[in-house]
């Protein structure tokens, strides 16, 4: 998609609110998760959803694809999956005597990589290039992916038999990591008493086409972050490096990710400037998978990151 051919349209906040409401029709009580996922897309990033089966990970990805009208593919990652199963391969054509490239499922606009940690590191590295470079290389030829391009990956953090842990380089390519969590009692009662929300998926209508999504990305990138907000972000970054709780601190790329996501969250809230509240709203999903606690050797949970960040002063 050539987004430079004509000026991109301006998109109203009402359209983005409609996106959240539409997805909420199939994900009861998960507005926060929906807004975080949409913020990740507005910030041009990829999303990792880590949670138990049956909590709506796949439903969220499918619903976002429907309301944005993006070309959607779902790939179930397995231990015997090869890179070519994802990127595609060259097939010999007897008629022409040439090799013809057969594109793999990665050639779409929204890819759901289901249970990504069940595939081998070799397959994971093939996805890494697509995520970082927005292209794939097959038989020495690089092929560009269509824009916009997003990866939403899922993994079950508790069923680790037969899995391959994502290396830090792969984790860092995900702008955010979120968790869906169990529904509140009232929302779960509505699910139990009514129609399966997934059956309402076909009723969702595209309200944010690809061109408008690209425009939203541009508008979100222009949201202003004041010196005071940037100072707060810098204190958070520095604290990860100096307070001794973590194996290593947040990199400059991780700091940039936090600012990107805070801008997107502010834009989703209808503002053209970032506040400390915007930073705090996206802090745990951006920092959590980039931090490892020294004492336990485990990745920081979202709640632990929020608790840790509460001790960092907003103003100094």
Protein backbone atom coordinates (compact mmCIF):
# COMPACT_ATOMS: atom_id res chain seq x y z
CA UNK A 1 0.00 0.00 0.00
CA UNK A 2 1.44 3.34 -1.06
CA UNK A 3 0.41 5.79 1.63
CA UNK A 4 2.26 8.66 -0.07
CA UNK A 5 0.07 8.67 -3.20
CA UNK A 6 -2.44 11.06 -1.67
CA UNK A 7 -2.87 12.94 1.62
CA UNK A 8 -4.10 10.72 4.42
CA UNK A 9 -7.47 11.68 5.96
CA UNK A 10 -7.82 13.17 9.41
CA UNK A 11 -9.54 10.77 11.79
CA UNK A 12 -11.81 11.85 14.63
CA UNK A 13 -11.64 10.55 18.17
CA UNK A 14 -15.22 9.32 17.73
CA UNK A 15 -13.98 6.81 15.15
CA UNK A 16 -11.42 5.41 17.59
CA UNK A 17 -14.04 5.25 20.33
CA UNK A 18 -16.22 3.30 17.92
CA UNK A 19 -13.39 0.81 17.38
CA UNK A 20 -13.15 0.16 21.13
CA UNK A 21 -16.94 -0.18 21.41
CA UNK A 22 -17.15 -2.56 18.46
CA UNK A 23 -14.47 -4.86 19.85
CA UNK A 24 -16.16 -4.65 23.26
CA UNK A 25 -19.18 -6.41 21.77
CA UNK A 26 -17.20 -9.65 21.63
CA UNK A 27 -14.86 -9.02 24.58
CA UNK A 28 -16.97 -8.16 27.60
CA UNK A 29 -15.32 -5.98 30.22
CA UNK A 30 -11.92 -5.84 28.50
CA UNK A 31 -11.89 -2.19 27.46
CA UNK A 32 -8.45 -1.61 28.98
CA UNK A 33 -6.93 -4.51 27.03
CA UNK A 34 -8.62 -3.33 23.83
CA UNK A 35 -7.33 0.21 24.28
CA UNK A 36 -3.80 -1.04 24.96
CA UNK A 37 -3.89 -3.22 21.84
CA UNK A 38 -5.20 -0.33 19.74
CA UNK A 39 -2.55 1.99 21.20
CA UNK A 40 0.09 -0.53 20.20
CA UNK A 41 -1.21 -0.47 16.62
CA UNK A 42 -1.33 3.34 16.59
CA UNK A 43 2.29 3.36 17.76
CA UNK A 44 3.25 1.09 14.81
CA UNK A 45 4.18 -1.78 17.11
CA UNK A 46 3.63 -5.49 17.57
CA UNK A 47 1.75 -7.00 20.49
CA UNK A 48 2.43 -10.05 22.67
CA UNK A 49 -0.55 -11.41 24.64
CA UNK A 50 0.49 -13.76 27.43
CA UNK A 51 -2.28 -15.58 29.28
CA UNK A 52 -4.14 -18.83 29.87
CA UNK A 53 -6.22 -20.43 27.09
CA UNK A 54 -9.82 -19.34 26.77
CA UNK A 55 -9.45 -15.75 27.98
CA UNK A 56 -9.94 -14.00 24.64
CA UNK A 57 -6.50 -13.66 23.09
CA UNK A 58 -7.54 -14.93 19.66
CA UNK A 59 -10.88 -13.14 19.86
CA UNK A 60 -9.13 -9.82 20.43
CA UNK A 61 -6.92 -10.25 17.37
CA UNK A 62 -9.81 -11.38 15.16
CA UNK A 63 -12.04 -8.52 16.30
CA UNK A 64 -9.36 -5.89 15.67
CA UNK A 65 -8.87 -7.28 12.18
CA UNK A 66 -12.60 -7.03 11.46
CA UNK A 67 -13.12 -3.48 12.73
CA UNK A 68 -10.06 -2.22 10.85
CA UNK A 69 -10.73 -4.21 7.69
CA UNK A 70 -7.13 -5.45 7.64
CA UNK A 71 -6.20 -8.60 5.74
CA UNK A 72 -5.92 -11.18 8.49
CA UNK A 73 -4.11 -14.49 8.81
CA UNK A 74 -3.89 -16.84 11.77
CA UNK A 75 -0.97 -19.26 12.06
CA UNK A 76 -0.86 -21.98 14.71
CA UNK A 77 2.81 -22.29 15.64
CA UNK A 78 4.07 -25.83 16.27
CA UNK A 79 7.42 -27.46 16.97
CA UNK A 80 7.69 -28.87 13.43
CA UNK A 81 6.89 -25.58 11.71
CA UNK A 82 9.55 -24.40 9.24
CA UNK A 83 10.40 -20.81 8.26
CA UNK A 84 9.04 -21.47 4.75
CA UNK A 85 5.66 -22.33 6.29
CA UNK A 86 5.54 -18.72 7.41
CA UNK A 87 7.39 -16.74 4.74
CA UNK A 88 6.64 -18.78 1.63
CA UNK A 89 8.81 -20.68 -0.86
CA UNK A 90 9.80 -20.89 -4.51
CA UNK A 91 8.04 -23.57 -6.56
CA UNK A 92 9.29 -24.83 -9.91
CA UNK A 93 6.83 -24.24 -12.75
CA UNK A 94 7.28 -26.92 -15.43
CA UNK A 95 5.36 -24.89 -18.00
CA UNK A 96 7.56 -21.81 -17.87
CA UNK A 97 10.71 -23.48 -16.59
CA UNK A 98 10.97 -20.81 -13.87
CA UNK A 99 10.66 -20.79 -10.14
CA UNK A 100 7.57 -18.94 -8.87
CA UNK A 101 7.36 -17.54 -5.40
CA UNK A 102 4.41 -18.76 -3.34
CA UNK A 103 3.80 -16.20 -0.56
CA UNK A 104 3.32 -17.51 2.96
CA UNK A 105 0.76 -16.32 5.51
CA UNK A 106 3.06 -13.54 6.71
CA UNK A 107 2.06 -11.62 3.59
CA UNK A 108 -0.95 -9.98 5.19
CA UNK A 109 -1.65 -6.87 7.26
CA UNK A 110 -2.46 -8.47 10.62
CA UNK A 111 -0.82 -11.77 11.51
CA UNK A 112 -1.88 -13.74 14.57
CA UNK A 113 1.06 -15.91 15.65
CA UNK A 114 -0.78 -18.30 17.95
CA UNK A 115 1.38 -19.93 20.67
CA UNK A 116 4.53 -18.46 19.16
CA UNK A 117 6.80 -20.11 21.73
CA UNK A 118 5.94 -23.58 20.40
CA UNK A 119 7.96 -23.00 17.23
CA UNK A 120 11.72 -23.47 16.90
CA UNK A 121 14.17 -20.56 17.21
CA UNK A 122 14.80 -20.83 13.46
CA UNK A 123 11.14 -20.13 12.69
CA UNK A 124 11.01 -17.42 15.33
CA UNK A 125 13.97 -15.67 13.67
CA UNK A 126 12.12 -15.67 10.33
CA UNK A 127 9.28 -13.82 12.01
CA UNK A 128 11.79 -11.47 13.63
CA UNK A 129 12.85 -10.08 10.24
CA UNK A 130 9.24 -9.53 9.23
CA UNK A 131 8.51 -7.70 12.48
CA UNK A 132 11.59 -5.50 12.45
CA UNK A 133 12.19 -4.86 8.75
CA UNK A 134 8.63 -5.26 7.40
CA UNK A 135 10.10 -7.59 4.80
CA UNK A 136 11.05 -11.25 4.34
CA UNK A 137 14.05 -12.74 2.56
CA UNK A 138 13.58 -15.98 0.60
CA UNK A 139 16.19 -17.42 -1.76
CA UNK A 140 18.28 -14.27 -1.45
CA UNK A 141 15.42 -11.98 -2.49
CA UNK A 142 13.89 -9.47 -0.07
CA UNK A 143 10.16 -8.90 -0.44
CA UNK A 144 8.36 -6.00 1.20
CA UNK A 145 5.26 -6.60 3.29
CA UNK A 146 2.13 -4.55 2.82
CA UNK A 147 1.55 -1.60 5.12
CA UNK A 148 0.26 -1.42 7.73
CA UNK A 149 1.67 -4.69 9.07
CA UNK A 150 1.14 -5.93 12.61
CA UNK A 151 1.94 -9.10 14.49
CA UNK A 152 -0.17 -10.15 17.45
CA UNK A 153 1.45 -13.14 19.11
CA UNK A 154 0.09 -15.26 21.95
CA UNK A 155 1.68 -17.61 24.42
CA UNK A 156 0.63 -19.55 27.49
CA UNK A 157 3.09 -18.72 30.31
CA UNK A 158 2.28 -21.83 32.36
CA UNK A 159 2.33 -24.67 29.82
CA UNK A 160 6.05 -24.76 29.02
CA UNK A 161 6.51 -28.40 27.94
CA UNK A 162 7.71 -28.55 24.36
CA UNK A 163 8.17 -24.79 24.06
CA UNK A 164 11.10 -22.58 23.06
CA UNK A 165 11.43 -19.44 25.15
CA UNK A 166 11.52 -16.26 23.13
CA UNK A 167 15.03 -14.74 23.24
CA UNK A 168 15.43 -11.19 24.48
CA UNK A 169 16.02 -9.93 20.94
CA UNK A 170 12.63 -11.31 19.90
CA UNK A 171 10.83 -10.05 22.98
CA UNK A 172 12.22 -6.56 22.42
CA UNK A 173 10.57 -6.45 18.98
CA UNK A 174 7.19 -6.51 20.69
CA UNK A 175 6.23 -3.00 21.60
CA UNK A 176 3.85 -4.22 24.31
CA UNK A 177 3.05 -7.34 26.31
CA UNK A 178 -0.40 -7.51 27.86
CA UNK A 179 -2.47 -10.02 29.80
CA UNK A 180 -6.24 -10.44 29.38
CA UNK A 181 -7.05 -11.82 32.83
CA UNK A 182 -10.28 -13.35 34.09
CA UNK A 183 -13.50 -11.38 33.51
CA UNK A 184 -15.23 -9.57 36.34
CA UNK A 185 -18.16 -11.42 37.92
CA UNK A 186 -20.81 -9.33 36.15
CA UNK A 187 -19.17 -9.69 32.75
CA UNK A 188 -18.73 -13.43 33.22
CA UNK A 189 -22.39 -13.79 34.19
CA UNK A 190 -23.37 -11.99 30.97
CA UNK A 191 -21.18 -14.40 28.99
CA UNK A 192 -22.71 -17.43 30.74
CA UNK A 193 -26.29 -16.19 30.36
CA UNK A 194 -26.11 -14.98 26.79
CA UNK A 195 -24.84 -15.86 23.37
CA UNK A 196 -21.20 -16.83 22.91
CA UNK A 197 -19.55 -13.45 22.12
CA UNK A 198 -17.50 -15.10 19.39
CA UNK A 199 -20.72 -15.82 17.48
CA UNK A 200 -21.21 -12.06 17.19
CA UNK A 201 -17.91 -11.67 15.34
CA UNK A 202 -19.62 -11.74 11.94
CA UNK A 203 -21.69 -8.72 12.95
CA UNK A 204 -18.67 -6.48 13.46
CA UNK A 205 -18.24 -3.85 10.75
CA UNK A 206 -15.03 -2.13 9.57
CA UNK A 207 -14.95 1.36 11.07
CA UNK A 208 -11.25 2.18 10.70
CA UNK A 209 -10.00 1.17 7.21
CA UNK A 210 -6.30 0.78 6.55
CA UNK A 211 -5.87 4.29 5.09
CA UNK A 212 -7.47 5.83 8.16
CA UNK A 213 -5.34 3.65 10.43
CA UNK A 214 -2.21 4.94 8.69
CA UNK A 215 -3.51 8.47 9.23
CA UNK A 216 -4.06 7.76 12.91
CA UNK A 217 -0.48 6.55 13.20
CA UNK A 218 0.75 9.83 11.75
CA UNK A 219 -1.48 11.88 14.04
CA UNK A 220 -0.43 9.89 17.12
CA UNK A 221 3.25 10.42 16.31
CA UNK A 222 2.68 14.20 16.37
CA UNK A 223 1.28 14.26 19.90
CA UNK A 224 3.50 16.53 22.02
CA UNK A 225 5.56 15.27 24.94
CA UNK A 226 6.73 18.13 27.16
CA UNK A 227 10.14 18.38 28.81
CA UNK A 228 8.51 17.52 32.15
CA UNK A 229 7.05 14.30 30.74
CA UNK A 230 10.33 13.35 29.07
CA UNK A 231 12.16 14.01 32.34
CA UNK A 232 9.75 11.62 34.07
CA UNK A 233 10.36 8.96 31.42
CA UNK A 234 14.10 9.41 31.81
CA UNK A 235 13.85 8.95 35.58
CA UNK A 236 11.96 5.71 35.05
CA UNK A 237 14.59 4.44 32.62
CA UNK A 238 17.46 5.42 34.90
CA UNK A 239 15.80 3.75 37.88
CA UNK A 240 15.69 0.40 36.05
CA UNK A 241 19.46 0.63 35.63
CA UNK A 242 20.48 1.78 39.09
CA UNK A 243 18.16 0.43 41.79
CA UNK A 244 19.59 -3.10 41.65
CA UNK A 245 16.30 -4.99 41.28
CA UNK A 246 16.75 -5.90 37.63
CA UNK A 247 19.35 -7.94 35.76
CA UNK A 248 19.72 -5.11 33.27
CA UNK A 249 17.99 -1.80 32.71
CA UNK A 250 15.77 -0.50 29.94
CA UNK A 251 17.60 0.31 26.69
CA UNK A 252 17.17 3.57 24.77
CA UNK A 253 14.92 1.66 22.36
CA UNK A 254 12.74 0.62 25.28
CA UNK A 255 12.56 4.25 26.39
CA UNK A 256 11.53 5.33 22.91
CA UNK A 257 8.86 2.61 22.95
CA UNK A 258 7.42 4.05 26.16
CA UNK A 259 7.17 7.54 24.64
CA UNK A 260 5.62 6.17 21.43
CA UNK A 261 2.97 4.28 23.36
CA UNK A 262 2.25 7.20 25.68
CA UNK A 263 1.68 9.41 22.63
CA UNK A 264 -0.68 6.81 21.14
CA UNK A 265 -2.58 6.48 24.44
CA UNK A 266 -2.95 10.26 24.72
CA UNK A 267 -4.22 10.39 21.12
CA UNK A 268 -6.73 7.65 21.92
CA UNK A 269 -7.86 9.77 24.88
CA UNK A 270 -8.50 12.70 22.52
CA UNK A 271 -5.52 14.88 23.49
CA UNK A 272 -2.62 16.27 21.49
CA UNK A 273 -0.23 16.23 24.46
CA UNK A 274 1.10 13.54 26.81
CA UNK A 275 0.54 13.57 30.57
CA UNK A 276 2.25 11.46 33.26
CA UNK A 277 -1.00 9.48 33.48
CA UNK A 278 -0.54 8.43 29.85
CA UNK A 279 2.97 7.22 30.64
CA UNK A 280 1.71 5.24 33.64
CA UNK A 281 -1.13 3.70 31.59
CA UNK A 282 1.29 2.03 29.17
CA UNK A 283 4.36 1.65 31.40
CA UNK A 284 3.86 -1.94 32.58
CA UNK A 285 2.94 -3.35 29.12
CA UNK A 286 6.00 -1.65 27.60
CA UNK A 287 8.56 -2.37 30.34
CA UNK A 288 7.35 -5.72 31.73
CA UNK A 289 8.80 -8.06 29.10
CA UNK A 290 12.01 -6.03 28.92
CA UNK A 291 12.84 -6.41 32.63
CA UNK A 292 14.05 -9.48 34.53
CA UNK A 293 14.10 -9.42 38.32
CA UNK A 294 17.56 -10.22 39.69
CA UNK A 295 16.29 -12.16 42.70
CA UNK A 296 13.87 -14.52 40.90
CA UNK A 297 15.34 -14.50 37.40
CA UNK A 298 11.80 -14.14 36.03
CA UNK A 299 10.29 -11.55 33.74
CA UNK A 300 8.55 -8.78 35.61
CA UNK A 301 4.79 -9.20 35.84
CA UNK A 302 2.60 -6.24 34.94
CA UNK A 303 1.47 -5.77 38.56
CA UNK A 304 5.04 -5.84 39.88
CA UNK A 305 6.13 -3.21 37.35
CA UNK A 306 3.23 -0.97 38.37
CA UNK A 307 4.12 -1.36 42.06
CA UNK A 308 7.78 -0.62 41.35
CA UNK A 309 6.98 2.45 39.24
CA UNK A 310 4.76 3.91 41.95
CA UNK A 311 7.91 4.71 43.91
CA UNK A 312 9.40 6.87 41.15
CA UNK A 313 8.46 10.55 41.58
CA UNK A 314 6.56 12.16 38.72
CA UNK A 315 8.07 15.55 39.44
CA UNK A 316 11.63 16.18 40.57
